[in-house]
Amino acid sequence: MSVFGSNELDTSSGAATEIEEAASKPRGWIRKIVPWMLGIGVLTYLFTQVPLADAWEATRSADIALLLTASSAAVACWFWLESGAFSYLFTRFHVPFTWKEARSLRGSTYVLTPINWNLGTAAIILYLRRSKGISALEATSTMLFYGTIDGLVMASLTFVGLAMMPASPALEQFQRLAAGAAVAQLGFMTILMADAPAWGWLEKIRSISLLRSYRAAGWREVFTLVGIRTLYFSIFALYFWAGARAFHVELPLAVSTATLAVILMAQAIPITPAGLGTLQAAMLYFWRPYGAEAGVLAFALAFPVCVTVSRMLLGLVYLRDIRKRLSQTS
């Protein structure tokens, strides 16, 4: 029998918990600060290559009207396409989901994504669970399927963009990589959606709950979503092409399309807040041959600001509606 009484055990356990919580607080702050330090560090390095004064001068001489017009038009198009895709996706895989409700949901997540891109996806999954009774696992499965469609489309657009550029051994190698990535994504979906071959190990993979949406999907859903997302990402390519011109960077549409996937991935990498530094580094690396480096960097800095502000203003319009919907289901 223990020599400690139950109260003493409770006290010591509570003290241990307090110590653990106190010890975890510094680690929590470190986890929050490190991404900002990395992002600022990358930007600092970029400013050693391109002086901040030069980037500021490029901003002053930019066609701000063109930039704001392109940003507003692009954000509006992305919003309509994304909300339409969500309405179609959730209706086909789960329960009826109107386009109006999808607009409210997507608009409200625009307020969260500047903080952390993954927060937007998490908010969608949480909303589906609270308002529609869709489990987090089912919603995650659907978003995973949606992400595979994105991967297929971006790899395909990269291949098309490279094919539009003058041939060279280096580009041909990247073209093969893009084609391989597209084929891999398509093959992954095909194997999961099909019933054959019915090998035991493959059937076990197909039966994984997280992959349930692939089993429920048909080619009609695949083609519809591929069409929507192709249009969505094509608008990104057009926006980069027009936005770069606002800063006197003659970016070819083929290059904008070919580098689209890498630049968006650089922005989505969760090592810095909202791609701070990594996005600008990717744009400067790929686009510097097509204009002054100061102009490229200035656009790389202005692009996320314009898009984020436009999205947040749009999102604020829908916050009241999404709160009302959530309160009705509470």
Protein backbone atom coordinates (compact mmCIF):
# COMPACT_ATOMS: atom_id res chain seq x y z
CA MET A 1 0.00 0.00 0.00
CA SER A 2 1.29 3.49 -0.86
CA VAL A 3 2.57 5.64 2.00
CA PHE A 4 1.03 8.70 0.29
CA GLY A 5 -2.55 9.67 0.95
CA SER A 6 -4.89 10.41 -1.92
CA ASN A 7 -4.79 14.19 -1.25
CA GLU A 8 -1.02 14.16 -1.41
CA LEU A 9 -1.17 12.24 -4.65
CA ASP A 10 -3.62 14.76 -6.10
CA THR A 11 -1.44 17.65 -4.97
CA SER A 12 1.73 16.17 -6.43
CA SER A 13 -0.08 15.29 -9.66
CA GLY A 14 -1.42 18.84 -9.92
CA ALA A 15 2.02 20.28 -9.28
CA ALA A 16 3.49 18.05 -11.96
CA THR A 17 0.84 19.22 -14.40
CA GLU A 18 1.58 22.86 -13.58
CA ILE A 19 5.28 22.26 -14.10
CA GLU A 20 4.62 20.58 -17.45
CA GLU A 21 2.37 23.45 -18.54
CA ALA A 22 4.94 26.03 -17.46
CA ALA A 23 7.64 24.16 -19.32
CA SER A 24 5.51 23.94 -22.45
CA LYS A 25 4.81 27.69 -22.59
CA PRO A 26 8.30 28.67 -23.79
CA ARG A 27 8.13 25.94 -26.43
CA GLY A 28 4.77 27.32 -27.57
CA TRP A 29 6.21 30.82 -27.96
CA ILE A 30 9.20 29.43 -29.81
CA ARG A 31 6.94 27.59 -32.25
CA LYS A 32 5.12 30.86 -32.94
CA ILE A 33 8.21 33.02 -33.26
CA VAL A 34 10.42 30.73 -35.37
CA PRO A 35 8.26 30.89 -38.56
CA TRP A 36 8.29 34.70 -38.39
CA MET A 37 12.04 34.71 -37.85
CA LEU A 38 12.52 32.43 -40.85
CA GLY A 39 10.30 34.58 -43.04
CA ILE A 40 12.00 37.81 -42.00
CA GLY A 41 15.37 36.13 -42.47
CA VAL A 42 14.53 35.16 -46.06
CA LEU A 43 13.26 38.67 -46.81
CA THR A 44 16.39 40.19 -45.29
CA TYR A 45 18.52 38.04 -47.57
CA LEU A 46 16.43 39.06 -50.60
CA PHE A 47 16.94 42.72 -49.71
CA THR A 48 20.70 42.16 -49.77
CA GLN A 49 20.24 41.06 -53.39
CA VAL A 50 17.67 43.71 -54.29
CA PRO A 51 17.85 46.89 -52.17
CA LEU A 52 14.62 47.81 -50.43
CA ALA A 53 14.90 51.34 -51.81
CA ASP A 54 14.85 49.96 -55.36
CA ALA A 55 11.78 47.82 -54.61
CA TRP A 56 10.03 50.86 -53.13
CA GLU A 57 10.85 52.93 -56.21
CA ALA A 58 9.47 50.15 -58.42
CA THR A 59 6.27 50.23 -56.37
CA ARG A 60 5.98 54.01 -56.75
CA SER A 61 6.31 53.74 -60.54
CA ALA A 62 3.91 50.77 -60.81
CA ASP A 63 0.49 50.90 -62.43
CA ILE A 64 -1.47 50.60 -59.18
CA ALA A 65 -4.83 50.89 -60.96
CA LEU A 66 -4.01 47.82 -63.07
CA LEU A 67 -2.82 45.92 -59.99
CA LEU A 68 -5.94 46.69 -57.95
CA THR A 69 -8.27 45.96 -60.86
CA ALA A 70 -6.57 42.63 -61.57
CA SER A 71 -6.57 41.71 -57.87
CA SER A 72 -10.25 42.54 -57.35
CA ALA A 73 -11.35 40.73 -60.52
CA ALA A 74 -9.24 37.67 -59.73
CA VAL A 75 -10.45 37.40 -56.13
CA ALA A 76 -14.09 37.67 -57.28
CA CYS A 77 -13.58 34.93 -59.90
CA TRP A 78 -11.73 32.66 -57.47
CA PHE A 79 -14.49 33.13 -54.90
CA TRP A 80 -17.30 32.19 -57.29
CA LEU A 81 -15.41 29.17 -58.60
CA GLU A 82 -14.35 27.91 -55.16
CA SER A 83 -17.80 28.26 -53.65
CA GLY A 84 -19.30 26.55 -56.71
CA ALA A 85 -16.81 23.70 -56.33
CA PHE A 86 -17.66 23.33 -52.64
CA SER A 87 -21.39 23.26 -53.35
CA TYR A 88 -20.90 20.55 -55.96
CA LEU A 89 -18.37 18.58 -53.92
CA PHE A 90 -20.32 18.42 -50.64
CA THR A 91 -23.65 17.79 -52.38
CA ARG A 92 -22.27 14.86 -54.39
CA PHE A 93 -20.43 13.26 -51.49
CA HIS A 94 -22.52 14.16 -48.43
CA VAL A 95 -25.71 16.21 -48.18
CA PRO A 96 -27.39 18.97 -50.22
CA PHE A 97 -25.22 22.07 -49.97
CA THR A 98 -26.47 25.18 -51.74
CA TRP A 99 -24.22 27.59 -53.59
CA LYS A 100 -25.44 30.38 -51.29
CA GLU A 101 -24.32 28.45 -48.21
CA ALA A 102 -21.04 27.56 -49.92
CA ARG A 103 -20.40 31.26 -50.60
CA SER A 104 -20.97 32.07 -46.93
CA LEU A 105 -18.65 29.27 -45.86
CA ARG A 106 -15.86 30.08 -48.28
CA GLY A 107 -16.17 33.81 -47.70
CA SER A 108 -15.90 33.43 -43.94
CA THR A 109 -12.78 31.26 -44.25
CA TYR A 110 -11.08 34.08 -46.16
CA VAL A 111 -10.84 35.88 -42.80
CA LEU A 112 -8.89 32.94 -41.33
CA THR A 113 -6.51 32.03 -44.14
CA PRO A 114 -4.24 35.10 -43.69
CA ILE A 115 -3.43 33.81 -40.21
CA ASN A 116 -2.76 30.28 -41.38
CA TRP A 117 -3.83 28.68 -44.66
CA ASN A 118 -4.62 25.39 -42.90
CA LEU A 119 -7.07 27.20 -40.60
CA GLY A 120 -9.36 27.70 -43.59
CA THR A 121 -9.53 23.95 -44.27
CA ALA A 122 -9.97 23.19 -40.58
CA ALA A 123 -12.84 25.69 -40.39
CA ILE A 124 -14.57 24.00 -43.34
CA ILE A 125 -14.30 20.59 -41.69
CA LEU A 126 -15.58 21.98 -38.37
CA TYR A 127 -18.53 23.70 -40.07
CA LEU A 128 -19.53 20.52 -41.91
CA ARG A 129 -19.49 18.60 -38.63
CA ARG A 130 -21.50 21.16 -36.67
CA SER A 131 -24.05 22.16 -39.30
CA LYS A 132 -24.40 19.00 -41.41
CA GLY A 133 -23.45 16.23 -39.02
CA ILE A 134 -20.61 15.12 -41.31
CA SER A 135 -17.85 13.52 -39.29
CA ALA A 136 -14.39 15.06 -39.31
CA LEU A 137 -13.02 11.89 -40.94
CA GLU A 138 -15.55 12.01 -43.79
CA ALA A 139 -14.98 15.72 -44.37
CA THR A 140 -11.20 15.23 -44.32
CA SER A 141 -11.55 12.41 -46.84
CA THR A 142 -13.48 14.71 -49.16
CA MET A 143 -10.93 17.51 -48.83
CA LEU A 144 -8.14 14.99 -49.51
CA PHE A 145 -9.88 13.98 -52.74
CA TYR A 146 -10.26 17.66 -53.60
CA GLY A 147 -6.55 18.18 -52.96
CA THR A 148 -5.68 15.32 -55.34
CA ILE A 149 -7.69 17.05 -58.06
CA ASP A 150 -5.66 20.21 -57.39
CA GLY A 151 -2.40 18.28 -57.68
CA LEU A 152 -3.47 16.77 -60.99
CA VAL A 153 -4.53 20.13 -62.41
CA MET A 154 -1.41 22.02 -61.29
CA ALA A 155 0.93 19.34 -62.65
CA SER A 156 -0.95 19.39 -65.96
CA LEU A 157 -0.82 23.18 -66.20
CA THR A 158 2.90 23.11 -65.46
CA PHE A 159 3.35 20.65 -68.34
CA VAL A 160 1.30 22.86 -70.68
CA GLY A 161 3.21 25.98 -69.67
CA LEU A 162 6.56 24.31 -70.27
CA ALA A 163 5.35 23.00 -73.63
CA MET A 164 4.56 26.60 -74.67
CA MET A 165 8.14 27.71 -73.99
CA PRO A 166 11.11 27.35 -76.38
CA ALA A 167 12.51 23.82 -76.20
CA SER A 168 15.68 23.13 -74.22
CA PRO A 169 17.16 20.06 -72.50
CA ALA A 170 16.48 21.52 -69.04
CA LEU A 171 12.85 22.35 -69.85
CA GLU A 172 12.31 18.92 -71.35
CA GLN A 173 13.47 17.37 -68.08
CA PHE A 174 11.05 19.53 -66.07
CA GLN A 175 8.34 18.66 -68.57
CA ARG A 176 8.88 14.96 -67.93
CA LEU A 177 8.70 15.59 -64.19
CA ALA A 178 5.43 17.51 -64.55
CA ALA A 179 3.98 14.79 -66.79
CA GLY A 180 5.09 12.15 -64.30
CA ALA A 181 3.44 14.02 -61.42
CA ALA A 182 0.18 14.33 -63.38
CA VAL A 183 0.21 10.65 -64.33
CA ALA A 184 0.97 9.68 -60.72
CA GLN A 185 -1.99 11.72 -59.39
CA LEU A 186 -4.33 10.31 -62.03
CA GLY A 187 -3.08 6.77 -61.46
CA PHE A 188 -3.53 7.13 -57.69
CA MET A 189 -7.16 8.19 -58.14
CA THR A 190 -7.87 5.52 -60.77
CA ILE A 191 -6.56 2.67 -58.61
CA LEU A 192 -8.59 3.81 -55.61
CA MET A 193 -11.77 4.38 -57.62
CA ALA A 194 -11.60 1.08 -59.54
CA ASP A 195 -12.58 -2.37 -58.30
CA ALA A 196 -9.79 -4.11 -60.16
CA PRO A 197 -7.25 -5.45 -59.64
CA ALA A 198 -8.69 -7.00 -56.49
CA TRP A 199 -5.42 -7.82 -54.79
CA GLY A 200 -5.66 -8.31 -51.04
CA TRP A 201 -3.21 -5.58 -50.06
CA LEU A 202 -4.84 -3.16 -52.49
CA GLU A 203 -8.31 -3.90 -51.14
CA LYS A 204 -7.04 -3.10 -47.65
CA ILE A 205 -5.81 0.29 -48.87
CA ARG A 206 -9.13 0.98 -50.61
CA SER A 207 -11.01 0.18 -47.42
CA ILE A 208 -9.17 2.83 -45.38
CA SER A 209 -11.77 5.27 -44.04
CA LEU A 210 -9.73 8.31 -45.01
CA LEU A 211 -9.96 7.23 -48.67
CA ARG A 212 -13.73 6.73 -48.65
CA SER A 213 -14.38 9.68 -50.96
CA TYR A 214 -12.27 8.12 -53.69
CA ARG A 215 -14.49 5.03 -53.58
CA ALA A 216 -17.65 7.16 -53.74
CA ALA A 217 -16.39 9.27 -56.64
CA GLY A 218 -17.15 8.65 -60.28
CA TRP A 219 -15.50 10.02 -63.39
CA ARG A 220 -18.27 12.57 -63.74
CA GLU A 221 -17.20 14.14 -60.43
CA VAL A 222 -13.55 13.99 -61.46
CA PHE A 223 -14.09 15.70 -64.82
CA THR A 224 -16.38 18.36 -63.33
CA LEU A 225 -13.96 19.27 -60.57
CA VAL A 226 -10.96 19.16 -62.92
CA GLY A 227 -12.78 21.64 -65.17
CA ILE A 228 -13.57 24.00 -62.30
CA ARG A 229 -10.08 23.86 -60.84
CA THR A 230 -8.41 24.24 -64.23
CA LEU A 231 -10.31 27.48 -64.72
CA TYR A 232 -9.45 28.52 -61.14
CA PHE A 233 -5.70 28.04 -61.54
CA SER A 234 -5.71 29.47 -65.07
CA ILE A 235 -6.99 32.71 -63.55
CA PHE A 236 -3.95 32.64 -61.26
CA ALA A 237 -1.70 32.43 -64.33
CA LEU A 238 -3.53 35.34 -65.95
CA TYR A 239 -3.35 37.34 -62.73
CA PHE A 240 0.40 36.83 -62.42
CA TRP A 241 0.80 37.84 -66.07
CA ALA A 242 -1.24 41.04 -65.63
CA GLY A 243 0.06 41.88 -62.16
CA ALA A 244 3.69 41.57 -63.23
CA ARG A 245 3.02 43.99 -66.07
CA ALA A 246 1.78 46.53 -63.54
CA PHE A 247 5.39 46.55 -62.29
CA HIS A 248 6.85 46.67 -65.82
CA VAL A 249 7.86 42.99 -65.76
CA GLU A 250 7.20 41.41 -69.18
CA LEU A 251 6.30 37.98 -67.84
CA PRO A 252 5.24 35.61 -70.65
CA LEU A 253 1.96 33.79 -70.05
CA ALA A 254 3.74 30.49 -70.69
CA VAL A 255 6.21 31.19 -67.87
CA SER A 256 3.41 32.31 -65.55
CA THR A 257 1.60 29.02 -66.24
CA ALA A 258 4.71 26.86 -65.97
CA THR A 259 5.83 28.33 -62.63
CA LEU A 260 2.35 28.59 -61.14
CA ALA A 261 2.44 25.34 -59.16
CA VAL A 262 5.89 25.96 -57.65
CA ILE A 263 5.01 29.52 -56.61
CA LEU A 264 1.72 28.51 -54.99
CA MET A 265 3.44 25.65 -53.18
CA ALA A 266 6.12 28.08 -51.97
CA GLN A 267 3.34 30.21 -50.52
CA ALA A 268 1.63 27.21 -48.89
CA ILE A 269 4.75 25.74 -47.26
CA PRO A 270 3.98 25.95 -43.52
CA ILE A 271 7.46 27.03 -42.44
CA THR A 272 6.72 30.76 -42.58
CA PRO A 273 3.47 32.71 -42.01
CA ALA A 274 1.44 32.81 -45.25
CA GLY A 275 4.56 32.06 -47.31
CA LEU A 276 6.39 35.17 -46.09
CA GLY A 277 9.79 35.16 -47.76
CA THR A 278 9.44 31.80 -49.52
CA LEU A 279 6.85 33.21 -51.96
CA GLN A 280 9.00 36.23 -52.80
CA ALA A 281 12.11 34.08 -53.20
CA ALA A 282 10.33 31.75 -55.65
CA MET A 283 8.96 34.62 -57.75
CA LEU A 284 12.33 36.37 -57.87
CA TYR A 285 14.14 33.15 -58.82
CA PHE A 286 11.85 32.26 -61.72
CA TRP A 287 10.85 35.69 -63.03
CA ARG A 288 14.04 37.76 -62.76
CA PRO A 289 14.95 37.26 -66.47
CA TYR A 290 11.79 39.09 -67.58
CA GLY A 291 12.21 42.47 -65.94
CA ALA A 292 14.05 44.48 -63.32
CA GLU A 293 14.61 42.49 -60.14
CA ALA A 294 13.23 45.39 -58.12
CA GLY A 295 9.98 45.20 -60.08
CA VAL A 296 9.70 41.44 -59.60
CA LEU A 297 10.30 41.72 -55.86
CA ALA A 298 7.89 44.65 -55.54
CA PHE A 299 5.11 42.65 -57.19
CA ALA A 300 5.99 39.61 -55.08
CA LEU A 301 5.48 41.75 -51.98
CA ALA A 302 2.35 43.50 -53.25
CA PHE A 303 0.56 40.40 -54.57
CA PRO A 304 -0.19 38.67 -51.22
CA VAL A 305 -1.17 41.99 -49.62
CA CYS A 306 -3.66 42.89 -52.37
CA VAL A 307 -5.18 39.42 -52.52
CA THR A 308 -5.37 39.04 -48.73
CA VAL A 309 -7.02 42.43 -48.19
CA SER A 310 -9.50 41.81 -51.03
CA ARG A 311 -10.38 38.39 -49.63
CA MET A 312 -10.77 39.65 -46.09
CA LEU A 313 -13.08 42.47 -47.19
CA LEU A 314 -15.14 39.92 -49.10
CA GLY A 315 -15.09 37.52 -46.15
CA LEU A 316 -16.37 40.13 -43.70
CA VAL A 317 -19.55 40.39 -45.77
CA TYR A 318 -20.33 36.73 -45.09
CA LEU A 319 -19.32 36.46 -41.42
CA ARG A 320 -22.75 37.48 -40.16
CA ASP A 321 -24.52 34.91 -42.32
CA ILE A 322 -22.23 32.04 -41.31
CA ARG A 323 -22.64 32.93 -37.62
CA LYS A 324 -26.42 32.91 -38.08
CA ARG A 325 -26.28 29.49 -39.70
CA LEU A 326 -24.12 28.10 -36.92
CA SER A 327 -26.38 29.53 -34.20
CA GLN A 328 -29.40 27.86 -35.80
CA THR A 329 -27.70 24.47 -35.58
CA SER A 330 -26.47 24.88 -31.99
